[in-house]
Amino acid sequence: MLAITRYRVPETDTETFVKTAHEVLRSLAGSPGHLSGRLARAVDDPELWAMVTDWDGAGYYRRALGAYEVRLALIPLSALAIDEAGAYEIVDP
């Protein structure tokens, strides 16, 4: 399963956002079912960011988001998140 959360981050908040996003990724990394995680910035739109994580399945992802340490780190980012679907099932040919 692939989880993608996009964020709209004003230039003035970039440094704080990156620090907090990396805290979230570190917290998620210790979760069962976590395979990888990374933070990316749009090449043509420097205020658009994406946090991308890979999981063994949707259940692992949902349980990881419910963990206290993850929620604590994730709450400050919530106001910057773009409201859209973010969980994707991998479809192999």
N, C-alpha and C. Protein backbone atom coordinates (compact mmCIF):
# COMPACT_ATOMS: atom_id res chain seq x y z
N MET A 1 0.84 -1.16 0.00
CA MET A 1 0.00 0.00 0.00
C MET A 1 0.89 1.24 0.00
N LEU A 2 0.48 2.22 -0.73
CA LEU A 2 1.22 3.48 -0.83
C LEU A 2 0.38 4.58 -0.22
N ALA A 3 0.96 5.36 0.68
CA ALA A 3 0.26 6.49 1.29
C ALA A 3 0.93 7.78 0.85
N ILE A 4 0.13 8.69 0.32
CA ILE A 4 0.65 9.98 -0.14
C ILE A 4 -0.17 11.08 0.51
N THR A 5 0.50 11.95 1.23
CA THR A 5 -0.16 13.13 1.80
C THR A 5 0.54 14.35 1.22
N ARG A 6 -0.24 15.21 0.59
CA ARG A 6 0.34 16.43 0.02
C ARG A 6 0.05 17.60 0.95
N TYR A 7 0.98 18.54 0.96
CA TYR A 7 0.88 19.70 1.83
C TYR A 7 1.14 20.97 1.04
N ARG A 8 0.43 22.03 1.38
CA ARG A 8 0.68 23.36 0.83
C ARG A 8 1.36 24.14 1.95
N VAL A 9 2.65 24.46 1.77
CA VAL A 9 3.46 25.06 2.83
C VAL A 9 3.99 26.42 2.38
N PRO A 10 3.57 27.49 3.05
CA PRO A 10 4.12 28.82 2.73
C PRO A 10 5.64 28.82 2.92
N GLU A 11 6.33 29.56 2.07
CA GLU A 11 7.81 29.63 2.14
C GLU A 11 8.31 29.92 3.55
N THR A 12 7.61 30.78 4.27
CA THR A 12 8.05 31.16 5.62
C THR A 12 7.97 30.01 6.61
N ASP A 13 7.21 28.97 6.30
CA ASP A 13 7.04 27.82 7.21
C ASP A 13 7.86 26.61 6.79
N THR A 14 8.63 26.73 5.73
CA THR A 14 9.34 25.58 5.16
C THR A 14 10.26 24.89 6.16
N GLU A 15 11.09 25.63 6.84
CA GLU A 15 12.06 25.03 7.75
C GLU A 15 11.38 24.22 8.86
N THR A 16 10.35 24.79 9.46
CA THR A 16 9.61 24.10 10.52
C THR A 16 8.89 22.88 9.97
N PHE A 17 8.29 23.04 8.79
CA PHE A 17 7.59 21.92 8.17
C PHE A 17 8.52 20.74 7.93
N VAL A 18 9.67 20.99 7.34
CA VAL A 18 10.62 19.92 7.03
C VAL A 18 11.06 19.21 8.31
N LYS A 19 11.36 19.96 9.34
CA LYS A 19 11.77 19.36 10.61
C LYS A 19 10.66 18.47 11.17
N THR A 20 9.44 18.97 11.18
CA THR A 20 8.32 18.21 11.72
C THR A 20 8.01 17.00 10.85
N ALA A 21 8.05 17.16 9.54
CA ALA A 21 7.78 16.03 8.64
C ALA A 21 8.79 14.91 8.84
N HIS A 22 10.05 15.26 9.06
CA HIS A 22 11.05 14.23 9.32
C HIS A 22 10.81 13.56 10.67
N GLU A 23 10.30 14.28 11.65
CA GLU A 23 9.92 13.66 12.92
C GLU A 23 8.81 12.63 12.70
N VAL A 24 7.83 12.99 11.89
CA VAL A 24 6.74 12.06 11.56
C VAL A 24 7.30 10.82 10.88
N LEU A 25 8.16 11.01 9.89
CA LEU A 25 8.73 9.87 9.17
C LEU A 25 9.54 8.97 10.11
N ARG A 26 10.28 9.55 11.05
CA ARG A 26 11.03 8.74 12.02
C ARG A 26 10.08 7.96 12.91
N SER A 27 8.99 8.58 13.31
CA SER A 27 8.00 7.90 14.16
C SER A 27 7.35 6.75 13.40
N LEU A 28 7.02 6.99 12.15
CA LEU A 28 6.39 5.94 11.35
C LEU A 28 7.34 4.79 11.06
N ALA A 29 8.61 5.08 10.94
CA ALA A 29 9.60 4.06 10.58
C ALA A 29 9.65 2.92 11.57
N GLY A 30 9.30 3.17 12.81
CA GLY A 30 9.32 2.11 13.83
C GLY A 30 8.05 1.30 13.89
N SER A 31 7.10 1.59 13.02
CA SER A 31 5.80 0.92 13.05
C SER A 31 5.83 -0.41 12.31
N PRO A 32 5.11 -1.41 12.83
CA PRO A 32 5.00 -2.68 12.11
C PRO A 32 4.39 -2.44 10.73
N GLY A 33 4.91 -3.13 9.72
CA GLY A 33 4.39 -3.02 8.37
C GLY A 33 4.94 -1.87 7.55
N HIS A 34 5.73 -1.00 8.18
CA HIS A 34 6.33 0.14 7.45
C HIS A 34 7.47 -0.36 6.58
N LEU A 35 7.46 0.03 5.31
CA LEU A 35 8.51 -0.39 4.39
C LEU A 35 9.48 0.74 4.05
N SER A 36 8.94 1.95 3.82
CA SER A 36 9.80 3.09 3.51
C SER A 36 9.01 4.38 3.65
N GLY A 37 9.73 5.49 3.70
CA GLY A 37 9.08 6.79 3.78
C GLY A 37 10.02 7.87 3.29
N ARG A 38 9.45 8.89 2.67
CA ARG A 38 10.28 9.99 2.17
C ARG A 38 9.45 11.26 2.02
N LEU A 39 10.15 12.36 1.97
CA LEU A 39 9.54 13.67 1.82
C LEU A 39 10.03 14.25 0.50
N ALA A 40 9.10 14.85 -0.26
CA ALA A 40 9.47 15.41 -1.57
C ALA A 40 8.84 16.79 -1.73
N ARG A 41 9.51 17.59 -2.55
CA ARG A 41 9.03 18.94 -2.86
C ARG A 41 8.82 19.05 -4.36
N ALA A 42 7.71 19.66 -4.77
CA ALA A 42 7.42 19.80 -6.19
C ALA A 42 8.47 20.68 -6.87
N VAL A 43 8.93 20.25 -8.00
CA VAL A 43 9.97 20.96 -8.73
C VAL A 43 9.47 22.32 -9.23
N ASP A 44 8.23 22.36 -9.71
CA ASP A 44 7.69 23.58 -10.31
C ASP A 44 6.85 24.43 -9.36
N ASP A 45 6.66 23.95 -8.13
CA ASP A 45 5.84 24.67 -7.17
C ASP A 45 6.44 24.46 -5.78
N PRO A 46 7.36 25.33 -5.35
CA PRO A 46 8.10 25.11 -4.11
C PRO A 46 7.24 25.10 -2.84
N GLU A 47 5.98 25.48 -2.94
CA GLU A 47 5.12 25.42 -1.76
C GLU A 47 4.35 24.11 -1.66
N LEU A 48 4.51 23.22 -2.66
CA LEU A 48 3.80 21.95 -2.67
C LEU A 48 4.75 20.82 -2.28
N TRP A 49 4.37 20.08 -1.25
CA TRP A 49 5.18 18.99 -0.70
C TRP A 49 4.38 17.70 -0.68
N ALA A 50 5.07 16.57 -0.64
CA ALA A 50 4.41 15.27 -0.51
C ALA A 50 5.19 14.40 0.46
N MET A 51 4.47 13.76 1.36
CA MET A 51 5.05 12.74 2.23
C MET A 51 4.54 11.41 1.68
N VAL A 52 5.47 10.53 1.32
CA VAL A 52 5.12 9.26 0.70
C VAL A 52 5.67 8.13 1.56
N THR A 53 4.79 7.20 1.92
CA THR A 53 5.21 6.04 2.70
C THR A 53 4.67 4.77 2.05
N ASP A 54 5.40 3.68 2.21
CA ASP A 54 5.01 2.37 1.70
C ASP A 54 4.77 1.43 2.88
N TRP A 55 3.72 0.60 2.75
CA TRP A 55 3.27 -0.27 3.84
C TRP A 55 2.95 -1.66 3.33
N ASP A 56 3.00 -2.63 4.24
CA ASP A 56 2.59 -4.00 3.92
C ASP A 56 1.08 -4.09 3.67
N GLY A 57 0.31 -3.13 4.17
CA GLY A 57 -1.13 -3.12 3.97
C GLY A 57 -1.77 -1.94 4.65
N ALA A 58 -3.04 -1.69 4.30
CA ALA A 58 -3.76 -0.53 4.84
C ALA A 58 -3.93 -0.61 6.36
N GLY A 59 -4.11 -1.80 6.91
CA GLY A 59 -4.27 -1.95 8.35
C GLY A 59 -3.05 -1.47 9.12
N TYR A 60 -1.88 -1.80 8.61
CA TYR A 60 -0.64 -1.34 9.26
C TYR A 60 -0.56 0.18 9.25
N TYR A 61 -0.90 0.77 8.11
CA TYR A 61 -0.86 2.22 7.97
C TYR A 61 -1.82 2.89 8.95
N ARG A 62 -3.04 2.41 9.00
CA ARG A 62 -4.03 3.01 9.90
C ARG A 62 -3.64 2.87 11.36
N ARG A 63 -3.12 1.71 11.73
CA ARG A 63 -2.69 1.53 13.12
C ARG A 63 -1.51 2.44 13.45
N ALA A 64 -0.60 2.61 12.51
CA ALA A 64 0.56 3.48 12.74
C ALA A 64 0.11 4.92 12.96
N LEU A 65 -0.88 5.38 12.21
CA LEU A 65 -1.37 6.75 12.37
C LEU A 65 -2.05 6.95 13.72
N GLY A 66 -2.54 5.88 14.31
CA GLY A 66 -3.21 5.97 15.59
C GLY A 66 -2.27 5.98 16.79
N ALA A 67 -1.00 5.68 16.56
CA ALA A 67 -0.03 5.65 17.65
C ALA A 67 0.17 7.05 18.22
N TYR A 68 0.27 7.15 19.54
CA TYR A 68 0.37 8.45 20.22
C TYR A 68 1.54 9.29 19.68
N GLU A 69 2.71 8.69 19.59
CA GLU A 69 3.91 9.42 19.14
C GLU A 69 3.73 9.97 17.73
N VAL A 70 3.10 9.19 16.86
CA VAL A 70 2.88 9.62 15.48
C VAL A 70 1.87 10.76 15.46
N ARG A 71 0.76 10.60 16.16
CA ARG A 71 -0.27 11.65 16.19
C ARG A 71 0.30 12.96 16.73
N LEU A 72 1.12 12.87 17.76
CA LEU A 72 1.71 14.06 18.36
C LEU A 72 2.57 14.82 17.34
N ALA A 73 3.32 14.10 16.54
CA ALA A 73 4.17 14.74 15.53
C ALA A 73 3.35 15.20 14.33
N LEU A 74 2.28 14.48 14.01
CA LEU A 74 1.50 14.75 12.81
C LEU A 74 0.52 15.92 12.96
N ILE A 75 0.05 16.17 14.16
CA ILE A 75 -0.96 17.22 14.37
C ILE A 75 -0.54 18.58 13.83
N PRO A 76 0.70 19.05 14.06
CA PRO A 76 1.07 20.37 13.53
C PRO A 76 1.02 20.45 12.00
N LEU A 77 1.14 19.31 11.32
CA LEU A 77 1.12 19.31 9.86
C LEU A 77 -0.29 19.28 9.30
N SER A 78 -1.24 18.88 10.09
CA SER A 78 -2.61 18.69 9.61
C SER A 78 -3.20 19.94 8.96
N ALA A 79 -2.93 21.10 9.50
CA ALA A 79 -3.49 22.34 8.96
C ALA A 79 -2.95 22.64 7.56
N LEU A 80 -1.81 22.07 7.21
CA LEU A 80 -1.19 22.31 5.91
C LEU A 80 -1.55 21.25 4.87
N ALA A 81 -2.18 20.16 5.31
CA ALA A 81 -2.49 19.04 4.42
C ALA A 81 -3.59 19.40 3.43
N ILE A 82 -3.46 18.89 2.23
CA ILE A 82 -4.47 19.05 1.19
C ILE A 82 -5.48 17.92 1.37
N ASP A 83 -6.76 18.26 1.42
CA ASP A 83 -7.82 17.28 1.66
C ASP A 83 -8.11 16.51 0.38
N GLU A 84 -7.54 15.31 0.31
CA GLU A 84 -7.73 14.43 -0.84
C GLU A 84 -7.41 13.00 -0.44
N ALA A 85 -7.83 12.05 -1.25
CA ALA A 85 -7.52 10.64 -0.98
C ALA A 85 -6.01 10.47 -0.93
N GLY A 86 -5.54 9.64 0.00
CA GLY A 86 -4.10 9.48 0.13
C GLY A 86 -3.62 8.05 0.24
N ALA A 87 -4.52 7.07 0.34
CA ALA A 87 -4.11 5.67 0.45
C ALA A 87 -4.37 4.98 -0.88
N TYR A 88 -3.33 4.33 -1.41
CA TYR A 88 -3.41 3.70 -2.73
C TYR A 88 -2.99 2.24 -2.65
N GLU A 89 -3.80 1.38 -3.22
CA GLU A 89 -3.46 -0.03 -3.32
C GLU A 89 -2.54 -0.20 -4.52
N ILE A 90 -1.46 -0.94 -4.32
CA ILE A 90 -0.53 -1.21 -5.42
C ILE A 90 -1.17 -2.24 -6.35
N VAL A 91 -1.21 -1.93 -7.64
CA VAL A 91 -1.79 -2.84 -8.62
C VAL A 91 -0.67 -3.36 -9.51
N ASP A 92 -0.39 -4.64 -9.36
CA ASP A 92 0.65 -5.26 -10.18
C ASP A 92 0.02 -5.85 -11.44
N PRO A 93 0.74 -5.79 -12.57
CA PRO A 93 0.19 -6.36 -13.81
C PRO A 93 0.09 -7.87 -13.73
